[in-house]
Amino acid sequence: MIRFVSTASLVALLILVLYLPSATPPERFIDHLRMEHALAVKFWGHNHAMRILSRMLDWQAAAQQASPLPSPTDAPAPNPVDLVVAKQMADVNHRLFNNPYFRSIDTLLALATYRLSVLIEWLPSLLAFLLAALFDGCLLRIVKSKEFLQHNPEMFALHACASIITACATVLAFVLPITLHPLVLSIVPVAISVFASRALADFHRRG
């Protein structure tokens, strides 16, 4: 069951992520990024909001540096043949990547990266709760095993599937062209930790 839910969720997520850039212009993703940054400034304050934006820009720069596409500044000393080949390659890259679909993908990834940066900003504040929830699940599992209480595999599968679905829904929310308040993303680690805690409590343990 867990394997089926994982596969179905990932396939559905991949289809939706590939479909969204074809149905949404790049300007819409940029507009939502600007609105969410304005909300972050109001909610977090200027310093936190700029740290979120700086983290996102650093990731974007690192992704561009890892791009396999050659840069004209990286080319060796030009000669006539190299110039012709470089011009042809530049034309191919321009026709391939300079179209609305790939521009939408770039802006979609920028929006998703910004939302991931917001989520990471929440983690230090929620770390104590996350660790407490997981510790509670481990203790419940140990207590059940010592008292010879029956573990419930159905509940384990249910909560594990709920964690997987929540994670996939979060990734989908990262790319949806809607405006998300920063407070919404704080629910994600809380929900996943609670489901994971309940799954740990019903995981079979011997001894």
Protein backbone atom coordinates (compact mmCIF):
# COMPACT_ATOMS: atom_id res chain seq x y z
CA MET A 1 0.00 0.00 0.00
CA ILE A 2 2.76 2.44 0.94
CA ARG A 3 4.64 1.65 -2.27
CA PHE A 4 1.50 2.17 -4.36
CA VAL A 5 0.69 5.50 -2.70
CA SER A 6 4.29 6.69 -3.14
CA THR A 7 4.37 5.78 -6.82
CA ALA A 8 0.94 7.24 -7.58
CA SER A 9 1.72 10.47 -5.72
CA LEU A 10 5.05 10.97 -7.48
CA VAL A 11 3.58 10.26 -10.93
CA ALA A 12 0.67 12.65 -10.35
CA LEU A 13 3.07 15.27 -9.03
CA LEU A 14 5.34 14.95 -12.08
CA ILE A 15 2.42 15.27 -14.50
CA LEU A 16 1.09 18.39 -12.77
CA VAL A 17 4.52 20.03 -12.56
CA LEU A 18 5.10 19.49 -16.29
CA TYR A 19 1.59 20.70 -17.14
CA LEU A 20 1.58 23.93 -15.12
CA PRO A 21 4.21 25.81 -17.22
CA SER A 22 2.19 25.16 -20.38
CA ALA A 23 -0.98 26.61 -18.83
CA THR A 24 0.53 29.53 -16.88
CA PRO A 25 2.52 32.48 -18.27
CA PRO A 26 5.85 33.25 -16.59
CA GLU A 27 4.64 36.68 -15.47
CA ARG A 28 2.08 35.06 -13.18
CA PHE A 29 4.71 33.12 -11.24
CA ILE A 30 6.78 36.29 -10.85
CA ASP A 31 3.74 38.23 -9.60
CA HIS A 32 3.07 35.62 -6.92
CA LEU A 33 6.73 35.67 -5.89
CA ARG A 34 6.58 39.44 -5.43
CA MET A 35 3.34 39.25 -3.45
CA GLU A 36 4.69 36.52 -1.19
CA HIS A 37 7.87 38.47 -0.55
CA ALA A 38 5.75 41.48 0.44
CA LEU A 39 3.79 39.23 2.82
CA ALA A 40 7.07 37.88 4.21
CA VAL A 41 8.29 41.41 4.93
CA LYS A 42 5.09 42.13 6.87
CA PHE A 43 5.09 38.79 8.71
CA TRP A 44 8.79 38.15 9.39
CA GLY A 45 10.19 41.66 9.25
CA HIS A 46 12.70 43.10 6.81
CA ASN A 47 15.77 41.19 8.03
CA HIS A 48 14.15 37.74 7.94
CA ALA A 49 12.51 38.44 4.59
CA MET A 50 15.79 39.54 3.04
CA ARG A 51 17.51 36.44 4.42
CA ILE A 52 14.83 34.28 2.76
CA LEU A 53 15.29 36.12 -0.53
CA SER A 54 19.09 35.96 -0.30
CA ARG A 55 18.96 32.20 0.31
CA MET A 56 16.73 31.76 -2.74
CA LEU A 57 19.05 33.86 -4.93
CA ASP A 58 22.09 31.88 -3.75
CA TRP A 59 20.39 28.63 -4.75
CA GLN A 60 19.44 30.11 -8.13
CA ALA A 61 23.03 31.19 -8.73
CA ALA A 62 24.33 27.75 -7.75
CA ALA A 63 21.86 26.11 -10.15
CA GLN A 64 23.00 28.35 -13.00
CA GLN A 65 26.63 27.50 -12.32
CA ALA A 66 25.75 23.79 -12.45
CA SER A 67 23.96 24.22 -15.80
CA PRO A 68 25.39 22.00 -18.55
CA LEU A 69 24.80 24.70 -21.18
CA PRO A 70 28.09 26.31 -22.24
CA SER A 71 28.65 30.00 -21.71
CA PRO A 72 30.18 32.14 -24.48
CA THR A 73 32.73 33.51 -22.01
CA ASP A 74 34.01 29.96 -21.44
CA ALA A 75 34.95 29.50 -25.09
CA PRO A 76 38.65 29.34 -26.11
CA ALA A 77 40.32 31.86 -28.42
CA PRO A 78 38.02 32.19 -31.44
CA ASN A 79 38.80 31.02 -34.92
CA PRO A 80 36.46 31.07 -37.96
CA VAL A 81 35.27 27.50 -37.50
CA ASP A 82 34.65 27.92 -33.78
CA LEU A 83 32.75 31.12 -34.39
CA VAL A 84 30.43 29.42 -36.88
CA VAL A 85 29.82 26.46 -34.54
CA ALA A 86 29.26 28.78 -31.59
CA LYS A 87 26.76 30.84 -33.57
CA GLN A 88 24.85 27.72 -34.62
CA MET A 89 24.80 26.40 -31.07
CA ALA A 90 23.62 29.77 -29.77
CA ASP A 91 20.79 29.78 -32.32
CA VAL A 92 19.76 26.24 -31.30
CA ASN A 93 19.82 27.12 -27.60
CA HIS A 94 17.85 30.28 -28.27
CA ARG A 95 15.14 28.45 -30.20
CA LEU A 96 15.02 25.63 -27.67
CA PHE A 97 15.00 27.54 -24.38
CA ASN A 98 13.78 31.03 -25.25
CA ASN A 99 10.10 30.15 -25.50
CA PRO A 100 7.16 30.69 -23.13
CA TYR A 101 7.20 27.12 -21.80
CA PHE A 102 10.83 27.15 -20.66
CA ARG A 103 10.52 30.71 -19.34
CA SER A 104 7.54 29.51 -17.29
CA ILE A 105 9.64 26.61 -15.99
CA ASP A 106 12.38 29.06 -14.90
CA THR A 107 9.93 31.31 -13.06
CA LEU A 108 8.12 28.28 -11.59
CA LEU A 109 11.42 27.02 -10.18
CA ALA A 110 12.18 30.49 -8.80
CA LEU A 111 8.81 30.55 -7.00
CA ALA A 112 9.28 27.00 -5.69
CA THR A 113 12.79 27.85 -4.48
CA TYR A 114 11.50 30.90 -2.65
CA ARG A 115 8.79 28.87 -0.91
CA LEU A 116 11.35 26.23 0.06
CA SER A 117 13.47 29.00 1.54
CA VAL A 118 10.46 30.16 3.58
CA LEU A 119 9.91 26.61 4.81
CA ILE A 120 13.54 26.32 5.88
CA GLU A 121 13.18 29.61 7.76
CA TRP A 122 10.48 27.94 9.87
CA LEU A 123 12.55 24.88 10.83
CA PRO A 124 14.62 26.38 13.69
CA SER A 125 11.45 27.63 15.37
CA LEU A 126 9.68 24.28 15.01
CA LEU A 127 12.65 22.01 15.69
CA ALA A 128 11.76 21.41 19.35
CA PHE A 129 8.21 20.34 18.43
CA LEU A 130 9.42 18.07 15.61
CA LEU A 131 11.91 16.28 17.87
CA ALA A 132 9.34 15.98 20.67
CA ALA A 133 6.78 14.42 18.31
CA LEU A 134 9.25 11.86 16.96
CA PHE A 135 10.52 11.08 20.48
CA ASP A 136 6.93 10.56 21.64
CA GLY A 137 6.32 8.11 18.79
CA CYS A 138 9.44 6.15 19.66
CA LEU A 139 8.47 5.97 23.34
CA LEU A 140 4.96 4.76 22.49
CA ARG A 141 6.43 2.02 20.30
CA ILE A 142 8.75 0.87 23.08
CA VAL A 143 5.93 0.92 25.65
CA LYS A 144 3.67 -1.14 23.40
CA SER A 145 6.39 -3.71 22.81
CA LYS A 146 7.16 -4.03 26.54
CA GLU A 147 3.49 -4.36 27.50
CA PHE A 148 2.88 -6.89 24.71
CA LEU A 149 0.28 -4.64 23.12
CA GLN A 150 -0.53 -5.39 19.52
CA HIS A 151 0.88 -3.01 16.96
CA ASN A 152 -1.56 -1.99 14.27
CA PRO A 153 -0.06 -2.39 10.77
CA GLU A 154 -3.11 -0.75 9.20
CA MET A 155 -2.61 2.40 11.26
CA PHE A 156 1.11 2.33 10.51
CA ALA A 157 0.37 2.18 6.77
CA LEU A 158 -2.29 4.88 7.07
CA HIS A 159 -0.03 7.35 8.85
CA ALA A 160 2.96 6.54 6.63
CA CYS A 161 0.82 7.17 3.55
CA ALA A 162 -0.46 10.39 5.08
CA SER A 163 3.15 11.56 5.54
CA ILE A 164 3.97 10.74 1.91
CA ILE A 165 0.84 12.47 0.60
CA THR A 166 1.55 15.54 2.73
CA ALA A 167 5.10 15.75 1.39
CA CYS A 168 3.92 15.42 -2.23
CA ALA A 169 1.14 17.96 -1.65
CA THR A 170 3.74 20.35 -0.25
CA VAL A 171 5.89 20.03 -3.37
CA LEU A 172 2.79 20.64 -5.47
CA ALA A 173 1.93 23.71 -3.37
CA PHE A 174 5.44 25.03 -4.04
CA VAL A 175 4.71 25.27 -7.77
CA LEU A 176 1.03 26.25 -7.78
CA PRO A 177 0.42 29.79 -9.11
CA ILE A 178 -1.42 30.92 -5.99
CA THR A 179 -0.32 33.23 -3.20
CA LEU A 180 0.69 31.40 -0.01
CA HIS A 181 0.98 33.18 3.31
CA PRO A 182 4.24 32.33 5.14
CA LEU A 183 2.20 30.91 8.04
CA VAL A 184 0.74 28.22 5.75
CA LEU A 185 4.14 26.62 5.22
CA SER A 186 4.64 26.19 8.96
CA ILE A 187 1.88 23.55 8.93
CA VAL A 188 3.92 21.24 6.69
CA PRO A 189 6.69 20.12 9.10
CA VAL A 190 4.16 19.93 11.95
CA ALA A 191 1.81 17.66 9.99
CA ILE A 192 4.60 15.42 8.70
CA SER A 193 6.13 15.04 12.17
CA VAL A 194 2.75 14.15 13.70
CA PHE A 195 2.01 11.52 11.02
CA ALA A 196 5.55 10.13 11.31
CA SER A 197 5.18 9.96 15.10
CA ARG A 198 1.94 7.98 14.83
CA ALA A 199 3.53 5.69 12.25
CA LEU A 200 6.48 5.03 14.56
CA ALA A 201 4.10 4.24 17.42
CA ASP A 202 2.49 1.44 15.40
CA PHE A 203 5.65 0.10 13.80
CA HIS A 204 6.25 -3.49 14.91
CA ARG A 205 9.02 -3.89 17.47
CA ARG A 206 10.23 -7.14 19.02
CA GLY A 207 11.66 -7.42 22.48
